[in-house]
Amino acid sequence: MELDRREGKIRDLKVELETTRENEAKQSALVGTFRQRLSEYEATAGTLEGAASRSELAVQALNKQNADLQDRIIDLEARIRFRTFSFSCDFDETKTEAEE
């Protein structure tokens, strides 16, 4: 009777040990999967940070180019106004001379 109880206990412990080993294997596989995903996410984050940095540089360059072009537009508009004024003055002089 005592021997049967001990054998039953040994069987129960073997079943528990096997279940524990299976659970450990599953958890180990999950940990490996999570580590791989973490590594992939870190690589993606690095790529995205690099892209964001390059985008920021591109935006800065475009803003500089935009400011330069706006300055050029102001300069050209001033030249047009000056030439229009000069032409108008020359025209008035020519008109006055012609009338005399």
C-alpha atoms as a PDB file:
ATOM      1  CA  MET A   1       0.000   0.000   0.000  1.00  0.00           C
ATOM      2  CA  GLU A   2       2.762   2.416   0.956  1.00  0.00           C
ATOM      3  CA  LEU A   3       4.643   1.430  -2.190  1.00  0.00           C
ATOM      4  CA  ASP A   4       1.572   2.140  -4.326  1.00  0.00           C
ATOM      5  CA  ARG A   5       1.264   5.615  -2.793  1.00  0.00           C
ATOM      6  CA  ARG A   6       4.893   6.331  -3.442  1.00  0.00           C
ATOM      7  CA  GLU A   7       4.636   5.103  -7.030  1.00  0.00           C
ATOM      8  CA  GLY A   8       1.529   7.243  -7.496  1.00  0.00           C
ATOM      9  CA  LYS A   9       3.361  10.240  -6.068  1.00  0.00           C
ATOM     10  CA  ILE A  10       6.338   9.554  -8.367  1.00  0.00           C
ATOM     11  CA  ARG A  11       3.991   9.378 -11.388  1.00  0.00           C
ATOM     12  CA  ASP A  12       2.351  12.641 -10.334  1.00  0.00           C
ATOM     13  CA  LEU A  13       5.740  14.295  -9.925  1.00  0.00           C
ATOM     14  CA  LYS A  14       6.874  13.011 -13.335  1.00  0.00           C
ATOM     15  CA  VAL A  15       3.725  14.410 -14.952  1.00  0.00           C
ATOM     16  CA  GLU A  16       4.265  17.723 -13.156  1.00  0.00           C
ATOM     17  CA  LEU A  17       7.921  17.742 -14.226  1.00  0.00           C
ATOM     18  CA  GLU A  18       6.964  17.096 -17.855  1.00  0.00           C
ATOM     19  CA  THR A  19       4.320  19.840 -17.728  1.00  0.00           C
ATOM     20  CA  THR A  20       6.858  22.232 -16.204  1.00  0.00           C
ATOM     21  CA  ARG A  21       9.392  21.392 -18.937  1.00  0.00           C
ATOM     22  CA  GLU A  22       6.775  21.975 -21.648  1.00  0.00           C
ATOM     23  CA  ASN A  23       5.804  25.309 -20.105  1.00  0.00           C
ATOM     24  CA  GLU A  24       9.466  26.285 -19.822  1.00  0.00           C
ATOM     25  CA  ALA A  25      10.041  25.430 -23.493  1.00  0.00           C
ATOM     26  CA  LYS A  26       7.008  27.512 -24.514  1.00  0.00           C
ATOM     27  CA  GLN A  27       8.155  30.442 -22.388  1.00  0.00           C
ATOM     28  CA  SER A  28      11.679  30.154 -23.737  1.00  0.00           C
ATOM     29  CA  ALA A  29      10.325  30.240 -27.291  1.00  0.00           C
ATOM     30  CA  LEU A  30       8.224  33.307 -26.420  1.00  0.00           C
ATOM     31  CA  VAL A  31      11.233  35.055 -24.915  1.00  0.00           C
ATOM     32  CA  GLY A  32      13.212  34.331 -28.085  1.00  0.00           C
ATOM     33  CA  THR A  33      10.380  35.691 -30.242  1.00  0.00           C
ATOM     34  CA  PHE A  34      10.093  38.807 -28.081  1.00  0.00           C
ATOM     35  CA  ARG A  35      13.844  39.400 -28.251  1.00  0.00           C
ATOM     36  CA  GLN A  36      13.746  39.102 -32.031  1.00  0.00           C
ATOM     37  CA  ARG A  37      10.804  41.498 -32.271  1.00  0.00           C
ATOM     38  CA  LEU A  38      12.533  43.946 -29.939  1.00  0.00           C
ATOM     39  CA  SER A  39      15.628  43.830 -32.112  1.00  0.00           C
ATOM     40  CA  GLU A  40      13.525  44.449 -35.220  1.00  0.00           C
ATOM     41  CA  TYR A  41      11.679  47.339 -33.529  1.00  0.00           C
ATOM     42  CA  GLU A  42      14.953  48.900 -32.424  1.00  0.00           C
ATOM     43  CA  ALA A  43      16.288  48.659 -35.978  1.00  0.00           C
ATOM     44  CA  THR A  44      13.080  50.198 -37.323  1.00  0.00           C
ATOM     45  CA  ALA A  45      13.280  52.975 -34.731  1.00  0.00           C
ATOM     46  CA  GLY A  46      16.853  53.707 -35.801  1.00  0.00           C
ATOM     47  CA  THR A  47      15.791  53.833 -39.429  1.00  0.00           C
ATOM     48  CA  LEU A  48      12.881  56.133 -38.625  1.00  0.00           C
ATOM     49  CA  GLU A  49      15.094  58.420 -36.544  1.00  0.00           C
ATOM     50  CA  GLY A  50      17.527  58.647 -39.446  1.00  0.00           C
ATOM     51  CA  ALA A  51      14.717  59.424 -41.869  1.00  0.00           C
ATOM     52  CA  ALA A  52      13.330  62.060 -39.523  1.00  0.00           C
ATOM     53  CA  SER A  53      16.749  63.650 -39.231  1.00  0.00           C
ATOM     54  CA  ARG A  54      17.169  63.709 -43.007  1.00  0.00           C
ATOM     55  CA  SER A  55      13.665  65.130 -43.396  1.00  0.00           C
ATOM     56  CA  GLU A  56      14.457  67.889 -40.905  1.00  0.00           C
ATOM     57  CA  LEU A  57      17.583  68.775 -42.858  1.00  0.00           C
ATOM     58  CA  ALA A  58      15.579  68.830 -46.084  1.00  0.00           C
ATOM     59  CA  VAL A  59      12.968  71.121 -44.508  1.00  0.00           C
ATOM     60  CA  GLN A  60      15.695  73.469 -43.288  1.00  0.00           C
ATOM     61  CA  ALA A  61      17.268  73.562 -46.758  1.00  0.00           C
ATOM     62  CA  LEU A  62      13.902  74.243 -48.374  1.00  0.00           C
ATOM     63  CA  ASN A  63      13.155  77.023 -45.892  1.00  0.00           C
ATOM     64  CA  LYS A  64      16.528  78.630 -46.691  1.00  0.00           C
ATOM     65  CA  GLN A  65      15.879  78.298 -50.403  1.00  0.00           C
ATOM     66  CA  ASN A  66      12.402  79.798 -49.945  1.00  0.00           C
ATOM     67  CA  ALA A  67      13.821  82.779 -48.029  1.00  0.00           C
ATOM     68  CA  ASP A  68      16.464  83.322 -50.731  1.00  0.00           C
ATOM     69  CA  LEU A  69      13.813  83.232 -53.457  1.00  0.00           C
ATOM     70  CA  GLN A  70      11.591  85.649 -51.542  1.00  0.00           C
ATOM     71  CA  ASP A  71      14.530  88.048 -51.261  1.00  0.00           C
ATOM     72  CA  ARG A  72      15.129  87.710 -54.988  1.00  0.00           C
ATOM     73  CA  ILE A  73      11.461  88.442 -55.726  1.00  0.00           C
ATOM     74  CA  ILE A  74      11.631  91.601 -53.599  1.00  0.00           C
ATOM     75  CA  ASP A  75      14.791  92.677 -55.434  1.00  0.00           C
ATOM     76  CA  LEU A  76      13.259  92.033 -58.860  1.00  0.00           C
ATOM     77  CA  GLU A  77      10.054  93.868 -57.926  1.00  0.00           C
ATOM     78  CA  ALA A  78      12.152  96.858 -56.822  1.00  0.00           C
ATOM     79  CA  ARG A  79      14.033  96.795 -60.120  1.00  0.00           C
ATOM     80  CA  ILE A  80      10.769  96.665 -62.057  1.00  0.00           C
ATOM     81  CA  ARG A  81       9.387  99.624 -60.106  1.00  0.00           C
ATOM     82  CA  PHE A  82      12.603 101.591 -60.708  1.00  0.00           C
ATOM     83  CA  ARG A  83      12.634 100.814 -64.438  1.00  0.00           C
ATOM     84  CA  THR A  84       8.931 101.575 -64.749  1.00  0.00           C
ATOM     85  CA  PHE A  85       9.491 104.904 -62.995  1.00  0.00           C
ATOM     86  CA  SER A  86      12.533 105.654 -65.179  1.00  0.00           C
ATOM     87  CA  PHE A  87      10.616 104.758 -68.324  1.00  0.00           C
ATOM     88  CA  SER A  88       7.711 106.934 -67.208  1.00  0.00           C
ATOM     89  CA  CYS A  89      10.064 109.876 -66.588  1.00  0.00           C
ATOM     90  CA  ASP A  90      11.774 109.387 -69.968  1.00  0.00           C
ATOM     91  CA  PHE A  91       8.396 109.157 -71.656  1.00  0.00           C
ATOM     92  CA  ASP A  92       7.237 112.372 -69.997  1.00  0.00           C
ATOM     93  CA  GLU A  93      10.432 114.145 -71.095  1.00  0.00           C
ATOM     94  CA  THR A  94      10.061 112.909 -74.652  1.00  0.00           C
ATOM     95  CA  LYS A  95       6.407 113.913 -74.698  1.00  0.00           C
ATOM     96  CA  THR A  96       7.244 117.387 -73.381  1.00  0.00           C
ATOM     97  CA  GLU A  97      10.015 117.819 -75.949  1.00  0.00           C
ATOM     98  CA  ALA A  98       7.727 116.720 -78.735  1.00  0.00           C
ATOM     99  CA  GLU A  99       5.045 119.165 -77.724  1.00  0.00           C
ATOM    100  CA  GLU A 100       7.502 122.080 -77.779  1.00  0.00           C
END
